[in-house]
């Protein structure tokens, strides 16, 4: 009986590890999409206005697109977080229920899919406001920012306490 119990615990641990990895992968994929545009109202930042040469009319249209989608995005992000918390709580139970875990994972995947769809359609709407030249400049700007962030992450972090000694 001990061998069966031990094997059951190992199986539960393996399931938890796989689910944790799947959650990480989904989170990572979502963060890659979010990295496509700067956070917030990027079209109101003076440096972006200047680099893209955004007109007042374009900024107004981008504001409208943002307002139209903001409530839904907030609600969908909340739903994703709630589904994530529910799944994590189920994974922390002493006895794992595969059906419940699958249902929670399905719900989380569904909510992430809805959020992705809404973000993507907002991006499409925003892209339609920009000219091809502006969009290409935006992509170049994002590529530069992304490269700078990668370089910063690659540099070893300094310990300020060691520097004081």
N, C-alpha and C. Protein backbone atom coordinates (compact mmCIF):
# COMPACT_ATOMS: atom_id res chain seq x y z
N UNK A 1 0.82 -1.19 0.00
CA UNK A 1 0.00 0.00 0.00
C UNK A 1 0.87 1.26 0.00
N UNK A 2 1.99 1.23 0.70
CA UNK A 2 2.88 2.38 0.72
C UNK A 2 3.44 2.67 -0.67
N UNK A 3 3.74 1.62 -1.43
CA UNK A 3 4.27 1.82 -2.78
C UNK A 3 3.24 2.50 -3.67
N UNK A 4 1.96 2.10 -3.53
CA UNK A 4 0.90 2.73 -4.32
C UNK A 4 0.71 4.19 -3.91
N UNK A 5 0.74 4.46 -2.62
CA UNK A 5 0.58 5.82 -2.13
C UNK A 5 1.74 6.69 -2.61
N UNK A 6 2.95 6.16 -2.55
CA UNK A 6 4.13 6.89 -3.01
C UNK A 6 4.04 7.18 -4.51
N UNK A 7 3.62 6.19 -5.27
CA UNK A 7 3.47 6.36 -6.72
C UNK A 7 2.39 7.40 -7.02
N UNK A 8 1.32 7.39 -6.22
CA UNK A 8 0.24 8.36 -6.41
C UNK A 8 0.75 9.78 -6.13
N UNK A 9 1.55 9.93 -5.08
CA UNK A 9 2.10 11.25 -4.77
C UNK A 9 3.05 11.72 -5.87
N UNK A 10 3.87 10.80 -6.39
CA UNK A 10 4.77 11.17 -7.48
C UNK A 10 3.99 11.58 -8.72
N UNK A 11 2.91 10.87 -8.98
CA UNK A 11 2.06 11.21 -10.13
C UNK A 11 1.43 12.58 -9.95
N UNK A 12 0.97 12.87 -8.73
CA UNK A 12 0.39 14.19 -8.44
C UNK A 12 1.41 15.29 -8.61
N UNK A 13 2.62 15.02 -8.16
CA UNK A 13 3.69 16.00 -8.29
C UNK A 13 4.00 16.26 -9.77
N UNK A 14 4.03 15.18 -10.55
CA UNK A 14 4.30 15.33 -11.98
C UNK A 14 3.20 16.15 -12.67
N UNK A 15 1.94 15.90 -12.29
CA UNK A 15 0.82 16.65 -12.86
C UNK A 15 0.95 18.13 -12.49
N UNK A 16 1.29 18.40 -11.23
CA UNK A 16 1.44 19.78 -10.77
C UNK A 16 2.56 20.48 -11.54
N UNK A 17 3.67 19.78 -11.74
CA UNK A 17 4.79 20.37 -12.47
C UNK A 17 4.39 20.70 -13.90
N UNK A 18 3.68 19.76 -14.55
CA UNK A 18 3.25 19.99 -15.93
C UNK A 18 2.27 21.16 -16.02
N UNK A 19 1.34 21.23 -15.07
CA UNK A 19 0.38 22.32 -15.08
C UNK A 19 1.06 23.66 -14.79
N UNK A 20 2.00 23.66 -13.87
CA UNK A 20 2.74 24.89 -13.58
C UNK A 20 3.51 25.36 -14.81
N UNK A 21 4.12 24.42 -15.52
CA UNK A 21 4.84 24.75 -16.74
C UNK A 21 3.88 25.29 -17.80
N UNK A 22 2.71 24.68 -17.92
CA UNK A 22 1.72 25.14 -18.89
C UNK A 22 1.25 26.55 -18.55
N UNK A 23 1.02 26.82 -17.26
CA UNK A 23 0.61 28.16 -16.84
C UNK A 23 1.70 29.18 -17.15
N UNK A 24 2.94 28.80 -16.89
CA UNK A 24 4.06 29.69 -17.19
C UNK A 24 4.11 29.98 -18.69
N UNK A 25 3.97 28.95 -19.50
CA UNK A 25 4.04 29.12 -20.95
C UNK A 25 2.92 30.03 -21.45
N UNK A 26 1.71 29.84 -20.92
CA UNK A 26 0.59 30.69 -21.32
C UNK A 26 0.83 32.14 -20.90
N UNK A 27 1.33 32.32 -19.70
CA UNK A 27 1.64 33.67 -19.22
C UNK A 27 2.71 34.34 -20.06
N UNK A 28 3.71 33.56 -20.43
CA UNK A 28 4.80 34.08 -21.25
C UNK A 28 4.28 34.50 -22.62
N UNK A 29 3.44 33.66 -23.23
CA UNK A 29 2.88 33.98 -24.54
C UNK A 29 2.03 35.25 -24.47
N UNK A 30 1.26 35.39 -23.41
CA UNK A 30 0.44 36.59 -23.26
C UNK A 30 1.32 37.83 -23.10
N UNK A 31 2.41 37.69 -22.37
CA UNK A 31 3.29 38.84 -22.17
C UNK A 31 3.98 39.24 -23.47
N UNK A 32 4.26 38.29 -24.34
CA UNK A 32 4.84 38.63 -25.64
C UNK A 32 3.89 39.48 -26.46
N UNK A 33 2.60 39.14 -26.41
CA UNK A 33 1.62 39.93 -27.14
C UNK A 33 1.54 41.33 -26.55
N UNK A 34 1.52 41.40 -25.23
CA UNK A 34 1.42 42.70 -24.56
C UNK A 34 2.62 43.57 -24.89
N UNK A 35 3.75 42.96 -25.19
CA UNK A 35 4.96 43.73 -25.51
C UNK A 35 4.89 44.37 -26.88
N UNK A 36 3.87 44.05 -27.68
CA UNK A 36 3.76 44.62 -29.01
C UNK A 36 3.55 46.13 -28.99
N UNK A 37 2.93 46.65 -27.96
CA UNK A 37 2.71 48.09 -27.86
C UNK A 37 3.14 48.56 -26.49
N UNK A 38 3.60 49.80 -26.41
CA UNK A 38 3.95 50.33 -25.09
C UNK A 38 2.69 50.38 -24.22
N UNK A 39 2.84 50.29 -22.91
CA UNK A 39 1.67 50.32 -22.04
C UNK A 39 1.03 51.71 -22.00
N UNK A 40 -0.24 51.72 -21.67
CA UNK A 40 -0.94 52.99 -21.49
C UNK A 40 -1.25 53.69 -22.81
N UNK A 41 -1.50 54.97 -22.69
CA UNK A 41 -1.86 55.78 -23.85
C UNK A 41 -0.58 56.26 -24.55
N UNK A 42 0.06 55.35 -25.25
CA UNK A 42 1.33 55.63 -25.90
C UNK A 42 1.22 56.76 -26.92
N UNK A 43 0.07 56.95 -27.53
CA UNK A 43 -0.13 57.97 -28.55
C UNK A 43 -0.19 59.38 -27.95
N UNK A 44 -0.18 59.50 -26.64
CA UNK A 44 -0.17 60.80 -25.98
C UNK A 44 1.23 61.18 -25.47
N UNK A 45 2.19 60.29 -25.62
CA UNK A 45 3.56 60.57 -25.19
C UNK A 45 4.23 61.49 -26.22
N UNK A 46 4.79 62.61 -25.74
CA UNK A 46 5.38 63.58 -26.68
C UNK A 46 6.43 62.97 -27.62
N UNK A 47 7.28 62.08 -27.12
CA UNK A 47 8.31 61.50 -27.99
C UNK A 47 7.70 60.63 -29.10
N UNK A 48 6.62 59.94 -28.79
CA UNK A 48 5.97 59.11 -29.81
C UNK A 48 5.20 59.99 -30.80
N UNK A 49 4.54 61.01 -30.28
CA UNK A 49 3.84 61.95 -31.17
C UNK A 49 4.81 62.54 -32.18
N UNK A 50 5.97 62.92 -31.68
CA UNK A 50 6.98 63.53 -32.55
C UNK A 50 7.55 62.51 -33.53
N UNK A 51 7.94 61.34 -33.04
CA UNK A 51 8.56 60.34 -33.93
C UNK A 51 7.59 59.83 -35.00
N UNK A 52 6.31 59.66 -34.61
CA UNK A 52 5.34 59.16 -35.58
C UNK A 52 4.64 60.28 -36.34
N UNK A 53 4.85 61.50 -35.88
CA UNK A 53 4.17 62.67 -36.46
C UNK A 53 2.65 62.46 -36.46
N UNK A 54 2.14 62.13 -35.26
CA UNK A 54 0.70 61.90 -35.11
C UNK A 54 -0.06 63.22 -35.16
N UNK A 55 -1.14 63.23 -35.90
CA UNK A 55 -1.98 64.42 -35.96
C UNK A 55 -2.93 64.42 -34.76
N UNK A 56 -3.53 65.58 -34.49
CA UNK A 56 -4.52 65.68 -33.41
C UNK A 56 -5.70 64.74 -33.69
N UNK A 57 -6.09 64.68 -34.95
CA UNK A 57 -7.22 63.82 -35.34
C UNK A 57 -6.89 62.35 -35.07
N UNK A 58 -5.68 61.92 -35.36
CA UNK A 58 -5.27 60.53 -35.10
C UNK A 58 -5.29 60.25 -33.60
N UNK A 59 -4.78 61.19 -32.81
CA UNK A 59 -4.77 61.02 -31.36
C UNK A 59 -6.19 60.90 -30.82
N UNK A 60 -7.10 61.70 -31.34
CA UNK A 60 -8.50 61.65 -30.92
C UNK A 60 -9.11 60.30 -31.28
N UNK A 61 -8.83 59.82 -32.48
CA UNK A 61 -9.35 58.51 -32.90
C UNK A 61 -8.79 57.38 -32.03
N UNK A 62 -7.49 57.45 -31.70
CA UNK A 62 -6.87 56.44 -30.83
C UNK A 62 -7.48 56.48 -29.43
N UNK A 63 -7.76 57.69 -28.92
CA UNK A 63 -8.45 57.83 -27.63
C UNK A 63 -9.81 57.13 -27.67
N UNK A 64 -10.54 57.34 -28.75
CA UNK A 64 -11.86 56.72 -28.90
C UNK A 64 -11.78 55.20 -28.90
N UNK A 65 -10.81 54.66 -29.62
CA UNK A 65 -10.62 53.20 -29.66
C UNK A 65 -10.29 52.68 -28.27
N UNK A 66 -9.42 53.40 -27.57
CA UNK A 66 -9.05 53.00 -26.22
C UNK A 66 -10.26 53.01 -25.30
N UNK A 67 -11.04 54.10 -25.33
CA UNK A 67 -12.23 54.19 -24.47
C UNK A 67 -13.24 53.10 -24.77
N UNK A 68 -13.42 52.81 -26.05
CA UNK A 68 -14.37 51.77 -26.46
C UNK A 68 -13.99 50.41 -25.89
N UNK A 69 -12.71 50.14 -25.78
CA UNK A 69 -12.24 48.82 -25.36
C UNK A 69 -11.86 48.72 -23.88
N UNK A 70 -11.66 49.86 -23.22
CA UNK A 70 -11.09 49.87 -21.86
C UNK A 70 -11.89 49.03 -20.87
N UNK A 71 -13.20 49.23 -20.80
CA UNK A 71 -14.01 48.50 -19.81
C UNK A 71 -13.94 47.00 -20.04
N UNK A 72 -14.06 46.59 -21.30
CA UNK A 72 -13.99 45.16 -21.60
C UNK A 72 -12.62 44.58 -21.25
N UNK A 73 -11.56 45.32 -21.55
CA UNK A 73 -10.21 44.83 -21.24
C UNK A 73 -10.01 44.70 -19.73
N UNK A 74 -10.50 45.66 -18.97
CA UNK A 74 -10.39 45.58 -17.52
C UNK A 74 -11.13 44.36 -17.00
N UNK A 75 -12.36 44.17 -17.48
CA UNK A 75 -13.16 43.02 -17.04
C UNK A 75 -12.50 41.69 -17.43
N UNK A 76 -11.99 41.63 -18.66
CA UNK A 76 -11.36 40.39 -19.12
C UNK A 76 -10.08 40.09 -18.35
N UNK A 77 -9.28 41.11 -18.06
CA UNK A 77 -8.06 40.89 -17.26
C UNK A 77 -8.43 40.40 -15.87
N UNK A 78 -9.51 40.95 -15.30
CA UNK A 78 -9.99 40.48 -14.00
C UNK A 78 -10.44 39.03 -14.06
N UNK A 79 -11.13 38.67 -15.13
CA UNK A 79 -11.58 37.28 -15.30
C UNK A 79 -10.41 36.33 -15.44
N UNK A 80 -9.36 36.75 -16.16
CA UNK A 80 -8.17 35.93 -16.30
C UNK A 80 -7.52 35.72 -14.93
N UNK A 81 -7.41 36.79 -14.17
CA UNK A 81 -6.79 36.69 -12.84
C UNK A 81 -7.60 35.80 -11.92
N UNK A 82 -8.92 35.93 -11.93
CA UNK A 82 -9.78 35.08 -11.10
C UNK A 82 -9.63 33.61 -11.49
N UNK A 83 -9.62 33.34 -12.78
CA UNK A 83 -9.47 31.95 -13.24
C UNK A 83 -8.10 31.40 -12.85
N UNK A 84 -7.09 32.23 -12.91
CA UNK A 84 -5.73 31.84 -12.53
C UNK A 84 -5.68 31.49 -11.04
N UNK A 85 -6.27 32.34 -10.21
CA UNK A 85 -6.30 32.10 -8.76
C UNK A 85 -7.05 30.80 -8.45
N UNK A 86 -8.18 30.60 -9.11
CA UNK A 86 -8.97 29.38 -8.86
C UNK A 86 -8.18 28.13 -9.23
N UNK A 87 -7.48 28.18 -10.35
CA UNK A 87 -6.68 27.02 -10.77
C UNK A 87 -5.54 26.77 -9.79
N UNK A 88 -4.86 27.82 -9.40
CA UNK A 88 -3.76 27.66 -8.44
C UNK A 88 -4.26 27.06 -7.12
N UNK A 89 -5.41 27.55 -6.66
CA UNK A 89 -5.97 27.02 -5.41
C UNK A 89 -6.29 25.54 -5.55
N UNK A 90 -6.82 25.15 -6.68
CA UNK A 90 -7.13 23.72 -6.89
C UNK A 90 -5.86 22.89 -6.95
N UNK A 91 -4.81 23.43 -7.53
CA UNK A 91 -3.55 22.70 -7.61
C UNK A 91 -2.88 22.54 -6.24
N UNK A 92 -3.25 23.37 -5.29
CA UNK A 92 -2.66 23.29 -3.96
C UNK A 92 -3.41 22.35 -3.03
N UNK A 93 -4.51 21.79 -3.50
CA UNK A 93 -5.27 20.85 -2.69
C UNK A 93 -4.47 19.58 -2.47
N UNK A 94 -4.61 18.95 -1.28
CA UNK A 94 -3.87 17.71 -1.01
C UNK A 94 -4.26 16.58 -1.97
N UNK A 95 -5.52 16.51 -2.32
CA UNK A 95 -5.99 15.51 -3.27
C UNK A 95 -6.38 16.23 -4.57
N UNK A 96 -5.68 15.90 -5.64
CA UNK A 96 -5.96 16.55 -6.92
C UNK A 96 -7.15 15.90 -7.61
N UNK A 97 -8.04 16.74 -8.09
CA UNK A 97 -9.21 16.29 -8.84
C UNK A 97 -9.00 16.69 -10.29
N UNK A 98 -8.65 15.71 -11.12
CA UNK A 98 -8.31 15.98 -12.52
C UNK A 98 -9.44 16.70 -13.26
N UNK A 99 -10.68 16.31 -13.00
CA UNK A 99 -11.80 16.95 -13.70
C UNK A 99 -11.93 18.42 -13.31
N UNK A 100 -11.79 18.72 -12.03
CA UNK A 100 -11.86 20.12 -11.60
C UNK A 100 -10.70 20.91 -12.18
N UNK A 101 -9.52 20.32 -12.13
CA UNK A 101 -8.34 21.02 -12.67
C UNK A 101 -8.52 21.29 -14.15
N UNK A 102 -9.00 20.30 -14.87
CA UNK A 102 -9.24 20.48 -16.31
C UNK A 102 -10.28 21.58 -16.55
N UNK A 103 -11.34 21.60 -15.74
CA UNK A 103 -12.38 22.62 -15.89
C UNK A 103 -11.81 24.02 -15.61
N UNK A 104 -11.01 24.14 -14.54
CA UNK A 104 -10.40 25.43 -14.23
C UNK A 104 -9.41 25.86 -15.31
N UNK A 105 -8.63 24.91 -15.81
CA UNK A 105 -7.66 25.21 -16.86
C UNK A 105 -8.38 25.62 -18.15
N UNK A 106 -9.47 24.95 -18.46
CA UNK A 106 -10.26 25.31 -19.64
C UNK A 106 -10.82 26.71 -19.50
N UNK A 107 -11.32 27.02 -18.32
CA UNK A 107 -11.86 28.36 -18.06
C UNK A 107 -10.76 29.43 -18.21
N UNK A 108 -9.58 29.15 -17.65
CA UNK A 108 -8.46 30.09 -17.76
C UNK A 108 -8.07 30.27 -19.22
N UNK A 109 -7.98 29.20 -19.95
CA UNK A 109 -7.62 29.28 -21.37
C UNK A 109 -8.67 30.07 -22.15
N UNK A 110 -9.94 29.85 -21.83
CA UNK A 110 -11.03 30.57 -22.47
C UNK A 110 -10.92 32.08 -22.22
N UNK A 111 -10.67 32.44 -20.96
CA UNK A 111 -10.57 33.85 -20.59
C UNK A 111 -9.36 34.50 -21.25
N UNK A 112 -8.25 33.79 -21.29
CA UNK A 112 -7.05 34.34 -21.96
C UNK A 112 -7.31 34.50 -23.45
N UNK A 113 -8.03 33.56 -24.04
CA UNK A 113 -8.37 33.66 -25.45
C UNK A 113 -9.24 34.87 -25.74
N UNK A 114 -10.22 35.11 -24.87
CA UNK A 114 -11.09 36.29 -25.05
C UNK A 114 -10.30 37.58 -24.90
N UNK A 115 -9.42 37.60 -23.90
CA UNK A 115 -8.58 38.79 -23.70
C UNK A 115 -7.68 39.01 -24.91
N UNK A 116 -7.06 37.95 -25.40
CA UNK A 116 -6.19 38.06 -26.58
C UNK A 116 -6.99 38.59 -27.77
N UNK A 117 -8.18 38.05 -27.99
CA UNK A 117 -9.00 38.50 -29.12
C UNK A 117 -9.32 39.98 -29.02
N UNK A 118 -9.71 40.43 -27.82
CA UNK A 118 -10.07 41.84 -27.64
C UNK A 118 -8.84 42.74 -27.84
N UNK A 119 -7.70 42.33 -27.27
CA UNK A 119 -6.47 43.12 -27.45
C UNK A 119 -6.06 43.16 -28.91
N UNK A 120 -6.18 42.03 -29.58
CA UNK A 120 -5.80 41.97 -30.99
C UNK A 120 -6.69 42.87 -31.83
N UNK A 121 -8.00 42.84 -31.59
CA UNK A 121 -8.91 43.68 -32.37
C UNK A 121 -8.68 45.16 -32.07
N UNK A 122 -8.32 45.49 -30.83
CA UNK A 122 -7.98 46.87 -30.51
C UNK A 122 -6.72 47.28 -31.27
N UNK A 123 -5.74 46.38 -31.31
CA UNK A 123 -4.51 46.65 -32.06
C UNK A 123 -4.81 46.86 -33.54
N UNK A 124 -5.68 46.04 -34.10
CA UNK A 124 -6.06 46.18 -35.51
C UNK A 124 -6.72 47.54 -35.74
N UNK A 125 -7.62 47.92 -34.84
CA UNK A 125 -8.29 49.22 -34.97
C UNK A 125 -7.28 50.36 -34.86
N UNK A 126 -6.35 50.25 -33.93
CA UNK A 126 -5.33 51.29 -33.77
C UNK A 126 -4.40 51.34 -34.97
N UNK A 127 -4.05 50.18 -35.46
CA UNK A 127 -3.17 50.10 -36.65
C UNK A 127 -3.82 50.79 -37.83
N UNK A 128 -5.15 50.68 -37.95
CA UNK A 128 -5.87 51.29 -39.07
C UNK A 128 -5.81 52.82 -39.02
N UNK A 129 -5.57 53.39 -37.85
CA UNK A 129 -5.47 54.85 -37.71
C UNK A 129 -4.13 55.35 -38.23
N UNK A 130 -3.11 54.52 -38.16
CA UNK A 130 -1.75 54.91 -38.55
C UNK A 130 -1.52 54.66 -40.03
N UNK A 131 -0.70 55.50 -40.63
CA UNK A 131 -0.28 55.26 -42.01
C UNK A 131 0.77 54.13 -41.99
N UNK A 132 1.08 53.60 -43.15
CA UNK A 132 2.11 52.56 -43.23
C UNK A 132 3.45 53.08 -42.71
N UNK A 133 3.78 54.31 -43.05
CA UNK A 133 5.04 54.90 -42.59
C UNK A 133 5.05 55.01 -41.06
N UNK A 134 3.96 55.48 -40.49
CA UNK A 134 3.88 55.59 -39.03
C UNK A 134 3.98 54.22 -38.36
N UNK A 135 3.31 53.25 -38.94
CA UNK A 135 3.35 51.90 -38.37
C UNK A 135 4.78 51.35 -38.41
N UNK A 136 5.46 51.54 -39.53
CA UNK A 136 6.84 51.06 -39.64
C UNK A 136 7.75 51.76 -38.63
N UNK A 137 7.54 53.05 -38.42
CA UNK A 137 8.32 53.78 -37.41
C UNK A 137 8.03 53.23 -36.02
N UNK A 138 6.76 52.92 -35.77
CA UNK A 138 6.36 52.37 -34.47
C UNK A 138 7.04 51.02 -34.24
N UNK A 139 7.05 50.19 -35.26
CA UNK A 139 7.70 48.87 -35.15
C UNK A 139 9.19 49.04 -34.86
N UNK A 140 9.85 49.97 -35.55
CA UNK A 140 11.27 50.23 -35.32
C UNK A 140 11.51 50.70 -33.89
N UNK A 141 10.65 51.59 -33.42
CA UNK A 141 10.76 52.08 -32.05
C UNK A 141 10.60 50.94 -31.05
N UNK A 142 9.61 50.09 -31.28
CA UNK A 142 9.38 48.95 -30.38
C UNK A 142 10.54 47.97 -30.42
N UNK A 143 11.10 47.76 -31.60
CA UNK A 143 12.26 46.87 -31.72
C UNK A 143 13.45 47.41 -30.92
N UNK A 144 13.68 48.72 -31.01
CA UNK A 144 14.78 49.34 -30.25
C UNK A 144 14.55 49.19 -28.75
N UNK A 145 13.33 49.48 -28.30
CA UNK A 145 13.01 49.37 -26.88
C UNK A 145 13.17 47.91 -26.42
N UNK A 146 12.69 46.98 -27.23
CA UNK A 146 12.82 45.56 -26.89
C UNK A 146 14.27 45.13 -26.79
N UNK A 147 15.09 45.59 -27.71
CA UNK A 147 16.52 45.25 -27.67
C UNK A 147 17.19 45.83 -26.43
N UNK A 148 16.83 47.06 -26.07
CA UNK A 148 17.39 47.69 -24.87
C UNK A 148 16.98 46.91 -23.61
N UNK A 149 15.74 46.47 -23.57
CA UNK A 149 15.27 45.71 -22.41
C UNK A 149 15.99 44.36 -22.32
N UNK A 150 16.22 43.72 -23.45
CA UNK A 150 16.96 42.45 -23.45
C UNK A 150 18.38 42.65 -22.96
N UNK A 151 19.01 43.73 -23.38
CA UNK A 151 20.38 44.01 -22.95
C UNK A 151 20.42 44.28 -21.45
N UNK A 152 19.44 45.00 -20.94
CA UNK A 152 19.39 45.27 -19.50
C UNK A 152 19.21 43.99 -18.70
N UNK A 153 18.36 43.08 -19.20
CA UNK A 153 18.15 41.81 -18.50
C UNK A 153 19.38 40.93 -18.56
N UNK A 154 20.16 41.06 -19.63
CA UNK A 154 21.35 40.22 -19.79
C UNK A 154 22.49 40.68 -18.89
N UNK A 155 22.48 41.96 -18.49
CA UNK A 155 23.54 42.47 -17.63
C UNK A 155 23.31 41.96 -16.21
N UNK A 156 24.39 41.54 -15.54
CA UNK A 156 24.23 41.06 -14.16
C UNK A 156 23.78 42.21 -13.26
N UNK A 157 22.88 41.87 -12.34
CA UNK A 157 22.40 42.87 -11.40
C UNK A 157 23.46 43.13 -10.34
N UNK A 158 23.68 44.39 -10.06
CA UNK A 158 24.66 44.75 -9.03
C UNK A 158 23.97 44.77 -7.68
N UNK A 159 24.69 44.36 -6.68
CA UNK A 159 24.19 44.38 -5.33
C UNK A 159 24.61 45.69 -4.67
N UNK A 160 23.67 46.61 -4.40
CA UNK A 160 24.05 47.91 -3.84
C UNK A 160 24.72 47.79 -2.47
N UNK A 161 24.40 46.78 -1.69
CA UNK A 161 25.02 46.61 -0.38
C UNK A 161 26.50 46.32 -0.51
N UNK A 162 26.85 45.51 -1.51
CA UNK A 162 28.27 45.18 -1.72
C UNK A 162 29.05 46.41 -2.14
N UNK A 163 28.42 47.28 -2.90
CA UNK A 163 29.10 48.46 -3.42
C UNK A 163 29.39 49.44 -2.29
N UNK A 164 28.56 49.44 -1.23
CA UNK A 164 28.74 50.36 -0.12
C UNK A 164 29.91 49.94 0.77
N UNK A 165 30.21 48.67 0.84
CA UNK A 165 31.26 48.17 1.74
C UNK A 165 32.63 48.53 1.29
